């Protein structure tokens, strides 16, 4: 198997590569590392009247 440079991939490219090569543990680790580097964002508070809508939008944007 040839060496794959995960660092050269964009977030979208790495995600697509991992989804196509689910048994590639190095790709999985690179994907997890990339996700864990992202800052946590607060998208809504529990008392927010638009909580459900904001969470649904965030999920669509994330996926």
C-alpha atoms as a PDB file:
ATOM      1  CA  UNK A   1       0.000   0.000   0.000  1.00  0.00           C
ATOM      2  CA  UNK A   2       1.326   3.449  -0.865  1.00  0.00           C
ATOM      3  CA  UNK A   3       1.807   6.150   1.754  1.00  0.00           C
ATOM      4  CA  UNK A   4      -1.140   8.544   2.023  1.00  0.00           C
ATOM      5  CA  UNK A   5      -0.478  12.128   3.115  1.00  0.00           C
ATOM      6  CA  UNK A   6      -3.487  12.934   5.296  1.00  0.00           C
ATOM      7  CA  UNK A   7      -2.060  16.352   6.212  1.00  0.00           C
ATOM      8  CA  UNK A   8      -2.228  17.442   2.574  1.00  0.00           C
ATOM      9  CA  UNK A   9      -5.974  16.684   2.447  1.00  0.00           C
ATOM     10  CA  UNK A  10      -8.645  19.238   3.215  1.00  0.00           C
ATOM     11  CA  UNK A  11     -11.141  18.381   5.935  1.00  0.00           C
ATOM     12  CA  UNK A  12     -13.682  17.340   3.302  1.00  0.00           C
ATOM     13  CA  UNK A  13     -11.126  15.230   1.409  1.00  0.00           C
ATOM     14  CA  UNK A  14      -9.995  13.478   4.592  1.00  0.00           C
ATOM     15  CA  UNK A  15     -13.583  12.751   5.579  1.00  0.00           C
ATOM     16  CA  UNK A  16     -14.367  11.310   2.131  1.00  0.00           C
ATOM     17  CA  UNK A  17     -11.160   9.255   2.130  1.00  0.00           C
ATOM     18  CA  UNK A  18     -11.965   7.827   5.551  1.00  0.00           C
ATOM     19  CA  UNK A  19     -15.533   6.980   4.528  1.00  0.00           C
ATOM     20  CA  UNK A  20     -14.221   5.080   1.495  1.00  0.00           C
ATOM     21  CA  UNK A  21     -11.402   3.357   3.449  1.00  0.00           C
ATOM     22  CA  UNK A  22     -13.010   2.526   6.784  1.00  0.00           C
ATOM     23  CA  UNK A  23     -10.455  -0.162   7.620  1.00  0.00           C
ATOM     24  CA  UNK A  24      -7.563   2.305   7.315  1.00  0.00           C
ATOM     25  CA  UNK A  25      -6.785   2.893  11.000  1.00  0.00           C
ATOM     26  CA  UNK A  26      -4.257   5.638  10.221  1.00  0.00           C
ATOM     27  CA  UNK A  27      -6.947   7.537   8.282  1.00  0.00           C
ATOM     28  CA  UNK A  28      -9.334   7.100  11.197  1.00  0.00           C
ATOM     29  CA  UNK A  29      -6.740   8.451  13.643  1.00  0.00           C
ATOM     30  CA  UNK A  30      -5.929  11.391  11.348  1.00  0.00           C
ATOM     31  CA  UNK A  31      -9.654  12.160  11.049  1.00  0.00           C
ATOM     32  CA  UNK A  32     -10.133  12.037  14.841  1.00  0.00           C
ATOM     33  CA  UNK A  33      -7.097  14.252  15.384  1.00  0.00           C
ATOM     34  CA  UNK A  34      -8.444  16.757  12.897  1.00  0.00           C
ATOM     35  CA  UNK A  35     -11.876  16.797  14.569  1.00  0.00           C
ATOM     36  CA  UNK A  36     -10.355  17.204  18.036  1.00  0.00           C
ATOM     37  CA  UNK A  37      -8.380  20.249  16.885  1.00  0.00           C
ATOM     38  CA  UNK A  38     -11.566  22.140  16.090  1.00  0.00           C
ATOM     39  CA  UNK A  39     -12.674  24.615  18.745  1.00  0.00           C
ATOM     40  CA  UNK A  40     -15.909  23.787  20.496  1.00  0.00           C
ATOM     41  CA  UNK A  41     -18.757  26.049  19.511  1.00  0.00           C
ATOM     42  CA  UNK A  42     -21.832  26.738  21.576  1.00  0.00           C
ATOM     43  CA  UNK A  43     -24.704  26.788  19.137  1.00  0.00           C
ATOM     44  CA  UNK A  44     -27.643  27.184  21.516  1.00  0.00           C
ATOM     45  CA  UNK A  45     -28.522  27.155  25.183  1.00  0.00           C
ATOM     46  CA  UNK A  46     -31.146  24.848  26.642  1.00  0.00           C
ATOM     47  CA  UNK A  47     -33.554  27.725  27.199  1.00  0.00           C
ATOM     48  CA  UNK A  48     -33.181  29.044  23.647  1.00  0.00           C
ATOM     49  CA  UNK A  49     -36.605  29.074  21.934  1.00  0.00           C
ATOM     50  CA  UNK A  50     -34.918  28.125  18.621  1.00  0.00           C
ATOM     51  CA  UNK A  51     -32.872  25.289  20.155  1.00  0.00           C
ATOM     52  CA  UNK A  52     -34.144  22.501  17.875  1.00  0.00           C
ATOM     53  CA  UNK A  53     -33.752  24.560  14.713  1.00  0.00           C
ATOM     54  CA  UNK A  54     -30.209  25.658  15.615  1.00  0.00           C
ATOM     55  CA  UNK A  55     -29.121  22.106  16.422  1.00  0.00           C
ATOM     56  CA  UNK A  56     -30.575  20.771  13.172  1.00  0.00           C
ATOM     57  CA  UNK A  57     -28.795  23.452  11.138  1.00  0.00           C
ATOM     58  CA  UNK A  58     -25.510  22.773  12.940  1.00  0.00           C
ATOM     59  CA  UNK A  59     -25.806  19.055  12.202  1.00  0.00           C
ATOM     60  CA  UNK A  60     -26.455  19.699   8.523  1.00  0.00           C
ATOM     61  CA  UNK A  61     -23.440  22.005   8.313  1.00  0.00           C
ATOM     62  CA  UNK A  62     -21.193  19.594  10.192  1.00  0.00           C
ATOM     63  CA  UNK A  63     -22.076  16.547   8.151  1.00  0.00           C
END
